[in-house]
Amino acid sequence: MATVYQINKGIGKPIEFRGLRGQYIGWLAGGLVFLLIVFALLYISGLSLYIILPLIFGGGAGLVSGVFRLNRRFGEHGLGKYLAKRSLPDYLCIRSRKVFTRLKDRITP
C-alpha cells in the first residue's frame, strides 16, 4: 500500500520557451502584440497589403532575432544588471565635509 509521489524537478528553474528565458518571453509576446496592432491600424487606414506585409514581417523578424540575441548575450537576469550598472555614476565628488557632519546630526534623536 505504498503511495508513489512524483517529484517536481522544475522547482526553482526559470520559465523557458524554445530557448527564451524569463523576461524575454514577455518582451517577445509584447512585441508581437504591438506588431499586430500596427498591422490592424495600417490595414484599416487603407494602405496596400503589398506595403504592409513586408513591413510587418520584417519587423517581426527583427524583433525575434533581437530578443534571441539579447537572451543569448545577457541570460536570464543579465540585462537588468547591465542596465542597473549603466545608471551608476563613475565617481562621487564631495567638496565639503558638511554632508557627513549633518548626517551625524540626523542619526541621533
N, C-alpha and C. Protein backbone atom coordinates (compact mmCIF):
# COMPACT_ATOMS: atom_id res chain seq x y z
N MET A 1 0.82 -1.19 0.00
CA MET A 1 0.00 0.00 0.00
C MET A 1 0.86 1.26 0.00
N ALA A 2 1.99 1.20 -0.62
CA ALA A 2 2.88 2.36 -0.69
C ALA A 2 2.35 3.34 -1.74
N THR A 3 2.33 4.59 -1.38
CA THR A 3 1.90 5.65 -2.30
C THR A 3 3.11 6.20 -3.02
N VAL A 4 2.97 6.33 -4.33
CA VAL A 4 4.08 6.83 -5.13
C VAL A 4 3.79 8.29 -5.49
N TYR A 5 4.70 9.17 -5.10
CA TYR A 5 4.57 10.58 -5.40
C TYR A 5 5.58 10.96 -6.48
N GLN A 6 5.14 11.77 -7.41
CA GLN A 6 6.07 12.25 -8.42
C GLN A 6 6.77 13.49 -7.89
N ILE A 7 8.05 13.58 -8.16
CA ILE A 7 8.83 14.72 -7.72
C ILE A 7 8.86 15.75 -8.83
N ASN A 8 8.50 16.98 -8.47
CA ASN A 8 8.54 18.07 -9.44
C ASN A 8 9.97 18.58 -9.51
N LYS A 9 10.66 18.30 -10.59
CA LYS A 9 12.07 18.70 -10.71
C LYS A 9 12.22 20.08 -11.32
N GLY A 10 11.14 20.76 -11.58
CA GLY A 10 11.22 22.08 -12.19
C GLY A 10 11.14 23.22 -11.18
N ILE A 11 11.14 22.91 -9.90
CA ILE A 11 11.03 23.95 -8.88
C ILE A 11 12.33 24.76 -8.86
N GLY A 12 12.19 26.06 -8.90
CA GLY A 12 13.35 26.93 -8.84
C GLY A 12 13.98 27.22 -10.19
N LYS A 13 13.54 26.56 -11.23
CA LYS A 13 14.08 26.81 -12.56
C LYS A 13 13.30 27.93 -13.22
N PRO A 14 13.96 28.71 -14.07
CA PRO A 14 13.24 29.79 -14.76
C PRO A 14 12.29 29.24 -15.83
N ILE A 15 11.29 30.02 -16.16
CA ILE A 15 10.39 29.66 -17.24
C ILE A 15 11.17 29.70 -18.54
N GLU A 16 11.00 28.67 -19.36
CA GLU A 16 11.74 28.62 -20.62
C GLU A 16 10.80 28.20 -21.74
N PHE A 17 10.90 28.88 -22.87
CA PHE A 17 10.10 28.56 -24.05
C PHE A 17 10.98 28.66 -25.27
N ARG A 18 11.28 27.54 -25.87
CA ARG A 18 12.11 27.46 -27.08
C ARG A 18 13.43 28.20 -26.96
N GLY A 19 14.05 28.12 -25.80
CA GLY A 19 15.34 28.74 -25.59
C GLY A 19 15.27 30.12 -24.94
N LEU A 20 14.11 30.76 -24.96
CA LEU A 20 13.96 32.07 -24.31
C LEU A 20 13.69 31.84 -22.83
N ARG A 21 14.31 32.66 -22.00
CA ARG A 21 14.14 32.51 -20.55
C ARG A 21 13.59 33.78 -19.94
N GLY A 22 12.72 33.60 -18.98
CA GLY A 22 12.25 34.69 -18.12
C GLY A 22 11.60 35.85 -18.85
N GLN A 23 12.17 37.03 -18.68
CA GLN A 23 11.57 38.28 -19.15
C GLN A 23 11.51 38.36 -20.67
N TYR A 24 12.37 37.63 -21.35
CA TYR A 24 12.42 37.73 -22.81
C TYR A 24 11.17 37.13 -23.45
N ILE A 25 10.52 36.19 -22.80
CA ILE A 25 9.27 35.65 -23.30
C ILE A 25 8.21 36.75 -23.33
N GLY A 26 8.15 37.53 -22.27
CA GLY A 26 7.20 38.65 -22.22
C GLY A 26 7.52 39.72 -23.23
N TRP A 27 8.80 40.00 -23.43
CA TRP A 27 9.17 41.02 -24.40
C TRP A 27 8.79 40.60 -25.81
N LEU A 28 9.01 39.32 -26.13
CA LEU A 28 8.65 38.83 -27.45
C LEU A 28 7.14 38.87 -27.64
N ALA A 29 6.39 38.45 -26.63
CA ALA A 29 4.93 38.47 -26.72
C ALA A 29 4.41 39.90 -26.86
N GLY A 30 4.96 40.82 -26.08
CA GLY A 30 4.53 42.22 -26.18
C GLY A 30 4.86 42.81 -27.54
N GLY A 31 6.02 42.48 -28.08
CA GLY A 31 6.40 42.98 -29.39
C GLY A 31 5.49 42.44 -30.49
N LEU A 32 5.11 41.17 -30.39
CA LEU A 32 4.21 40.60 -31.39
C LEU A 32 2.82 41.19 -31.31
N VAL A 33 2.35 41.47 -30.11
CA VAL A 33 1.05 42.14 -29.96
C VAL A 33 1.11 43.55 -30.55
N PHE A 34 2.23 44.24 -30.31
CA PHE A 34 2.41 45.58 -30.89
C PHE A 34 2.38 45.51 -32.42
N LEU A 35 3.07 44.53 -33.01
CA LEU A 35 3.06 44.39 -34.46
C LEU A 35 1.66 44.07 -34.99
N LEU A 36 0.89 43.30 -34.25
CA LEU A 36 -0.48 43.01 -34.65
C LEU A 36 -1.33 44.28 -34.66
N ILE A 37 -1.16 45.11 -33.66
CA ILE A 37 -1.92 46.37 -33.60
C ILE A 37 -1.50 47.30 -34.74
N VAL A 38 -0.20 47.37 -35.01
CA VAL A 38 0.28 48.21 -36.12
C VAL A 38 -0.28 47.70 -37.44
N PHE A 39 -0.31 46.38 -37.63
CA PHE A 39 -0.89 45.81 -38.84
C PHE A 39 -2.35 46.21 -38.99
N ALA A 40 -3.11 46.10 -37.89
CA ALA A 40 -4.53 46.43 -37.95
C ALA A 40 -4.74 47.91 -38.28
N LEU A 41 -3.94 48.78 -37.66
CA LEU A 41 -4.09 50.22 -37.93
C LEU A 41 -3.73 50.56 -39.38
N LEU A 42 -2.67 49.97 -39.90
CA LEU A 42 -2.28 50.24 -41.28
C LEU A 42 -3.30 49.67 -42.26
N TYR A 43 -3.86 48.51 -41.95
CA TYR A 43 -4.86 47.90 -42.83
C TYR A 43 -6.15 48.72 -42.84
N ILE A 44 -6.57 49.19 -41.66
CA ILE A 44 -7.79 50.00 -41.57
C ILE A 44 -7.59 51.34 -42.26
N SER A 45 -6.37 51.86 -42.23
CA SER A 45 -6.12 53.15 -42.87
C SER A 45 -6.14 53.06 -44.39
N GLY A 46 -6.16 51.84 -44.94
CA GLY A 46 -6.30 51.68 -46.37
C GLY A 46 -5.00 51.49 -47.13
N LEU A 47 -3.92 51.26 -46.43
CA LEU A 47 -2.63 51.04 -47.08
C LEU A 47 -2.64 49.66 -47.74
N SER A 48 -1.93 49.53 -48.84
CA SER A 48 -1.92 48.28 -49.60
C SER A 48 -1.21 47.18 -48.80
N LEU A 49 -1.72 45.94 -48.98
CA LEU A 49 -1.10 44.80 -48.31
C LEU A 49 0.31 44.53 -48.83
N TYR A 50 0.60 44.94 -50.05
CA TYR A 50 1.94 44.76 -50.61
C TYR A 50 2.97 45.64 -49.88
N ILE A 51 2.51 46.66 -49.22
CA ILE A 51 3.39 47.52 -48.42
C ILE A 51 3.39 47.07 -46.96
N ILE A 52 2.21 46.71 -46.46
CA ILE A 52 2.07 46.37 -45.04
C ILE A 52 2.80 45.07 -44.68
N LEU A 53 2.58 44.03 -45.47
CA LEU A 53 3.13 42.71 -45.12
C LEU A 53 4.65 42.68 -45.03
N PRO A 54 5.40 43.26 -46.00
CA PRO A 54 6.85 43.27 -45.81
C PRO A 54 7.30 44.05 -44.58
N LEU A 55 6.59 45.13 -44.27
CA LEU A 55 6.92 45.90 -43.06
C LEU A 55 6.72 45.08 -41.80
N ILE A 56 5.58 44.41 -41.72
CA ILE A 56 5.26 43.65 -40.52
C ILE A 56 6.16 42.42 -40.39
N PHE A 57 6.38 41.71 -41.51
CA PHE A 57 7.25 40.53 -41.45
C PHE A 57 8.70 40.92 -41.17
N GLY A 58 9.14 42.01 -41.73
CA GLY A 58 10.49 42.50 -41.44
C GLY A 58 10.64 42.92 -39.99
N GLY A 59 9.62 43.61 -39.48
CA GLY A 59 9.64 44.00 -38.07
C GLY A 59 9.59 42.79 -37.14
N GLY A 60 8.81 41.78 -37.52
CA GLY A 60 8.73 40.57 -36.72
C GLY A 60 10.04 39.80 -36.73
N ALA A 61 10.68 39.72 -37.90
CA ALA A 61 11.98 39.03 -37.97
C ALA A 61 13.03 39.77 -37.16
N GLY A 62 13.02 41.10 -37.23
CA GLY A 62 13.95 41.89 -36.43
C GLY A 62 13.69 41.74 -34.94
N LEU A 63 12.42 41.70 -34.57
CA LEU A 63 12.05 41.53 -33.16
C LEU A 63 12.53 40.18 -32.64
N VAL A 64 12.24 39.12 -33.37
CA VAL A 64 12.62 37.78 -32.91
C VAL A 64 14.13 37.65 -32.82
N SER A 65 14.84 38.12 -33.85
CA SER A 65 16.30 37.99 -33.81
C SER A 65 16.90 38.86 -32.70
N GLY A 66 16.35 40.04 -32.49
CA GLY A 66 16.85 40.92 -31.44
C GLY A 66 16.63 40.35 -30.05
N VAL A 67 15.45 39.79 -29.81
CA VAL A 67 15.16 39.22 -28.49
C VAL A 67 16.02 37.98 -28.23
N PHE A 68 16.20 37.14 -29.25
CA PHE A 68 17.05 35.97 -29.07
C PHE A 68 18.51 36.38 -28.87
N ARG A 69 18.95 37.45 -29.53
CA ARG A 69 20.32 37.93 -29.33
C ARG A 69 20.52 38.44 -27.91
N LEU A 70 19.55 39.20 -27.40
CA LEU A 70 19.63 39.68 -26.02
C LEU A 70 19.63 38.51 -25.03
N ASN A 71 18.79 37.51 -25.30
CA ASN A 71 18.73 36.35 -24.43
C ASN A 71 20.06 35.61 -24.41
N ARG A 72 20.69 35.48 -25.57
CA ARG A 72 21.97 34.77 -25.64
C ARG A 72 23.08 35.57 -24.99
N ARG A 73 23.05 36.90 -25.16
CA ARG A 73 24.14 37.73 -24.64
C ARG A 73 24.08 37.91 -23.13
N PHE A 74 22.89 38.20 -22.61
CA PHE A 74 22.77 38.57 -21.20
C PHE A 74 22.23 37.47 -20.30
N GLY A 75 21.51 36.52 -20.81
CA GLY A 75 20.94 35.48 -19.96
C GLY A 75 19.69 35.94 -19.25
N GLU A 76 19.34 35.21 -18.22
CA GLU A 76 18.05 35.45 -17.56
C GLU A 76 17.98 36.80 -16.85
N HIS A 77 18.97 37.13 -16.04
CA HIS A 77 18.94 38.38 -15.26
C HIS A 77 20.01 39.38 -15.70
N GLY A 78 20.81 39.03 -16.68
CA GLY A 78 21.96 39.86 -17.03
C GLY A 78 21.61 41.22 -17.60
N LEU A 79 20.50 41.32 -18.34
CA LEU A 79 20.13 42.61 -18.93
C LEU A 79 19.76 43.61 -17.84
N GLY A 80 19.02 43.17 -16.83
CA GLY A 80 18.69 44.06 -15.72
C GLY A 80 19.92 44.53 -14.98
N LYS A 81 20.87 43.62 -14.78
CA LYS A 81 22.12 44.01 -14.11
C LYS A 81 22.92 44.98 -14.97
N TYR A 82 22.94 44.76 -16.27
CA TYR A 82 23.67 45.64 -17.18
C TYR A 82 23.08 47.04 -17.17
N LEU A 83 21.75 47.14 -17.24
CA LEU A 83 21.10 48.45 -17.23
C LEU A 83 21.27 49.14 -15.88
N ALA A 84 21.26 48.38 -14.79
CA ALA A 84 21.46 48.97 -13.46
C ALA A 84 22.88 49.50 -13.32
N LYS A 85 23.84 48.76 -13.84
CA LYS A 85 25.24 49.19 -13.74
C LYS A 85 25.48 50.45 -14.55
N ARG A 86 24.80 50.59 -15.68
CA ARG A 86 24.96 51.79 -16.51
C ARG A 86 24.43 53.04 -15.82
N SER A 87 23.47 52.88 -14.91
CA SER A 87 22.90 54.05 -14.26
C SER A 87 23.71 54.51 -13.05
N LEU A 88 24.73 53.74 -12.65
CA LEU A 88 25.58 54.15 -11.53
C LEU A 88 26.55 55.24 -11.99
N PRO A 89 26.86 56.19 -11.13
CA PRO A 89 27.84 57.21 -11.51
C PRO A 89 29.25 56.61 -11.52
N ASP A 90 30.13 57.20 -12.32
CA ASP A 90 31.50 56.72 -12.38
C ASP A 90 32.25 57.02 -11.09
N TYR A 91 31.99 58.17 -10.53
CA TYR A 91 32.62 58.53 -9.27
C TYR A 91 31.75 59.58 -8.58
N LEU A 92 31.97 59.76 -7.27
CA LEU A 92 31.29 60.77 -6.49
C LEU A 92 32.30 61.84 -6.11
N CYS A 93 31.89 63.07 -6.22
CA CYS A 93 32.78 64.17 -5.89
C CYS A 93 32.11 64.99 -4.78
N ILE A 94 32.65 64.91 -3.58
CA ILE A 94 32.12 65.66 -2.45
C ILE A 94 33.16 66.68 -2.06
N ARG A 95 32.83 67.93 -2.18
CA ARG A 95 33.80 69.00 -1.95
C ARG A 95 33.75 69.57 -0.54
N SER A 96 32.82 69.07 0.27
CA SER A 96 32.69 69.62 1.62
C SER A 96 32.43 68.50 2.62
N ARG A 97 32.83 68.74 3.88
CA ARG A 97 32.57 67.77 4.94
C ARG A 97 31.18 67.93 5.51
N LYS A 98 30.44 68.94 5.11
CA LYS A 98 29.12 69.20 5.68
C LYS A 98 28.16 68.03 5.46
N VAL A 99 28.33 67.32 4.40
CA VAL A 99 27.46 66.18 4.13
C VAL A 99 27.55 65.17 5.27
N PHE A 100 28.77 64.91 5.73
CA PHE A 100 28.97 63.92 6.78
C PHE A 100 28.65 64.46 8.16
N THR A 101 28.93 65.73 8.42
CA THR A 101 28.64 66.30 9.74
C THR A 101 27.13 66.44 9.94
N ARG A 102 26.40 66.76 8.93
CA ARG A 102 24.94 66.86 9.03
C ARG A 102 24.32 65.47 9.16
N LEU A 103 24.96 64.49 8.60
CA LEU A 103 24.45 63.12 8.70
C LEU A 103 24.46 62.66 10.16
N LYS A 104 25.49 63.03 10.89
CA LYS A 104 25.58 62.65 12.29
C LYS A 104 24.45 63.28 13.10
N ASP A 105 24.09 64.53 12.78
CA ASP A 105 23.01 65.20 13.50
C ASP A 105 21.66 64.52 13.21
N ARG A 106 21.48 63.99 12.04
CA ARG A 106 20.21 63.37 11.69
C ARG A 106 20.04 62.00 12.34
N ILE A 107 21.13 61.32 12.59
CA ILE A 107 21.03 59.97 13.16
C ILE A 107 20.64 60.01 14.62
N THR A 108 21.23 60.91 15.40
CA THR A 108 20.90 60.97 16.83
C THR A 108 19.57 61.69 17.02
N PRO A 109 18.70 61.16 17.87
CA PRO A 109 17.38 61.79 18.09
C PRO A 109 17.43 62.99 18.97
